[in-house]
Amino acid sequence: MYAVVETGGKQYKVEEGTSLLVDRLDAKEGDKVSLRAVMFRDTDILAAPKELEKVKVEATVSEHLRGPKIKVFKYKAKKGYRRKAGHRSELTKLEVTSLKLGKSAAKKPAAEKKPAAKKPAKKAPAKKAAVKEEGSDGS
């Protein structure tokens, strides 16, 4: 059983007990975070948005760290143009604690919609048909 989750605009394949490095999250060490599943696989594959509402993926923030220094050097030969720059990514290490398929969350809103459906619907005012003049068809 595994899931593909999305965080920070990137997708990761996770199983229960795996750890992954993601872009920095606004959570303290030890906090639980829930990740949005974009696909789930157990005995069959779930990929429809309504089916994915049932999937719960929870992870614990184990630490915040920084990635390796990346050096960027740009130059143009015989022109005297040289630029050196670099950066380090701010990362969060997550430990996936639970990956489960829960009861449908989509059934509750459907029950709430039934009383709202009993109210009479207001009709939109009818639009007037445009009158086409003779000779204005461009010929």
Protein backbone atom coordinates (compact mmCIF):
# COMPACT_ATOMS: atom_id res chain seq x y z
CA MET A 1 0.00 0.00 0.00
CA TYR A 2 1.39 3.40 -1.00
CA ALA A 3 0.27 6.88 -1.90
CA VAL A 4 1.52 9.75 -4.00
CA VAL A 5 1.28 12.99 -2.02
CA GLU A 6 1.75 16.62 -3.03
CA THR A 7 3.48 19.28 -0.97
CA GLY A 8 5.28 22.40 -2.07
CA GLY A 9 4.32 21.84 -5.72
CA LYS A 10 6.16 18.51 -5.87
CA GLN A 11 4.90 14.93 -5.67
CA TYR A 12 6.39 12.16 -3.55
CA LYS A 13 5.67 8.42 -3.36
CA VAL A 14 5.26 7.45 0.30
CA GLU A 15 4.58 4.34 2.33
CA GLU A 16 3.97 4.05 6.04
CA GLY A 17 7.25 4.53 7.92
CA THR A 18 9.14 6.30 5.12
CA SER A 19 10.93 9.61 5.57
CA LEU A 20 11.21 12.34 2.98
CA LEU A 21 12.75 15.77 2.54
CA VAL A 22 10.36 18.49 1.40
CA ASP A 23 10.54 22.26 1.08
CA ARG A 24 10.35 24.07 4.43
CA LEU A 25 6.95 23.80 6.13
CA ASP A 26 5.57 26.19 8.78
CA ALA A 27 5.40 23.56 11.53
CA LYS A 28 7.47 22.96 14.65
CA GLU A 29 9.49 19.81 15.24
CA GLY A 30 7.25 17.04 16.54
CA ASP A 31 4.07 18.49 14.99
CA LYS A 32 1.75 16.30 12.93
CA VAL A 33 0.91 17.43 9.42
CA SER A 34 -1.53 15.96 6.93
CA LEU A 35 -0.48 15.61 3.32
CA ARG A 36 -2.77 15.83 0.30
CA ALA A 37 -2.95 12.56 -1.62
CA VAL A 38 -3.12 12.70 -5.41
CA MET A 39 -3.12 8.90 -5.85
CA PHE A 40 -3.58 5.89 -3.56
CA ARG A 41 -2.86 2.22 -4.22
CA ASP A 42 -3.95 -0.68 -2.05
CA THR A 43 -5.73 -3.52 -3.84
CA ASP A 44 -6.83 -1.12 -6.56
CA ILE A 45 -5.84 2.38 -7.62
CA LEU A 46 -7.76 5.43 -6.43
CA ALA A 47 -7.19 8.61 -8.41
CA ALA A 48 -10.58 10.35 -8.58
CA PRO A 49 -10.87 13.46 -6.36
CA LYS A 50 -14.01 12.17 -4.58
CA GLU A 51 -12.30 8.87 -3.76
CA LEU A 52 -9.14 10.64 -2.56
CA GLU A 53 -11.12 12.55 0.08
CA LYS A 54 -11.21 9.25 2.03
CA VAL A 55 -7.40 8.88 2.07
CA LYS A 56 -5.62 10.16 5.18
CA VAL A 57 -1.83 10.60 5.06
CA GLU A 58 -0.28 11.90 8.27
CA ALA A 59 3.36 12.68 8.91
CA THR A 60 5.43 13.99 11.81
CA VAL A 61 8.00 16.76 11.42
CA SER A 62 11.27 15.21 12.61
CA GLU A 63 13.63 18.13 11.90
CA HIS A 64 14.32 21.27 9.91
CA LEU A 65 17.59 21.37 8.00
CA ARG A 66 19.36 22.96 5.07
CA GLY A 67 20.33 21.28 1.82
CA PRO A 68 23.81 21.26 0.30
CA LYS A 69 25.34 24.47 -1.01
CA ILE A 70 24.82 24.77 -4.74
CA LYS A 71 27.36 26.91 -6.56
CA VAL A 72 26.44 28.72 -9.74
CA PHE A 73 29.20 30.14 -11.96
CA LYS A 74 28.40 32.00 -15.17
CA TYR A 75 30.91 33.39 -17.62
CA LYS A 76 31.34 34.39 -21.22
CA ALA A 77 34.60 33.45 -22.86
CA LYS A 78 36.93 36.31 -23.91
CA LYS A 79 34.52 38.97 -22.60
CA GLY A 80 35.62 39.35 -18.99
CA TYR A 81 32.14 38.46 -17.70
CA ARG A 82 32.20 36.25 -14.59
CA ARG A 83 29.51 35.85 -11.92
CA LYS A 84 29.54 33.50 -8.95
CA ALA A 85 26.43 32.85 -6.87
CA GLY A 86 24.83 30.03 -4.91
CA HIS A 87 22.10 29.03 -2.52
CA ARG A 88 21.08 26.47 0.09
CA SER A 89 17.56 25.09 0.21
CA GLU A 90 15.57 25.23 3.46
CA LEU A 91 14.19 21.71 3.99
CA THR A 92 11.91 19.81 6.38
CA LYS A 93 12.31 16.10 7.11
CA LEU A 94 8.98 14.26 7.47
CA GLU A 95 8.32 10.77 8.85
CA VAL A 96 5.11 9.25 7.48
CA THR A 97 3.23 7.82 10.47
CA SER A 98 -0.10 6.69 9.04
CA LEU A 99 -1.48 5.94 5.62
CA LYS A 100 -5.09 4.77 5.67
CA LEU A 101 -8.28 4.71 3.71
CA GLY A 102 -11.06 6.09 5.91
CA LYS A 103 -14.80 6.39 5.56
CA SER A 104 -16.18 8.61 2.85
CA ALA A 105 -16.19 12.30 3.69
CA ALA A 106 -18.21 12.96 0.53
CA LYS A 107 -21.40 11.38 1.96
CA LYS A 108 -21.81 14.05 4.68
CA PRO A 109 -22.14 17.02 2.28
CA ALA A 110 -24.62 15.02 0.18
CA ALA A 111 -26.87 14.66 3.25
CA GLU A 112 -26.61 18.41 3.89
CA LYS A 113 -27.63 19.19 0.31
CA LYS A 114 -31.01 17.38 0.57
CA PRO A 115 -32.75 20.05 2.71
CA ALA A 116 -31.32 22.78 0.50
CA ALA A 117 -32.77 21.04 -2.58
CA LYS A 118 -36.33 21.31 -1.16
CA LYS A 119 -36.28 25.10 -1.40
CA PRO A 120 -37.84 26.46 -4.59
CA ALA A 121 -35.21 27.58 -7.05
CA LYS A 122 -35.34 31.18 -8.25
CA LYS A 123 -35.55 31.58 -11.98
CA ALA A 124 -33.13 33.92 -13.70
CA PRO A 125 -34.79 36.67 -15.74
CA ALA A 126 -35.17 35.74 -19.38
CA LYS A 127 -32.75 37.42 -21.75
CA LYS A 128 -34.23 39.38 -24.60
CA ALA A 129 -33.43 38.08 -28.04
CA ALA A 130 -31.38 40.47 -30.17
CA VAL A 131 -33.34 41.77 -33.14
CA LYS A 132 -31.40 41.42 -36.35
CA GLU A 133 -31.92 44.24 -38.80
CA GLU A 134 -32.10 43.60 -42.50
CA GLY A 135 -29.01 44.62 -44.45
CA SER A 136 -26.73 44.66 -41.39
CA ASP A 137 -25.19 41.28 -42.15
CA GLY A 138 -22.23 42.91 -43.90
CA SER A 139 -23.17 42.06 -47.50
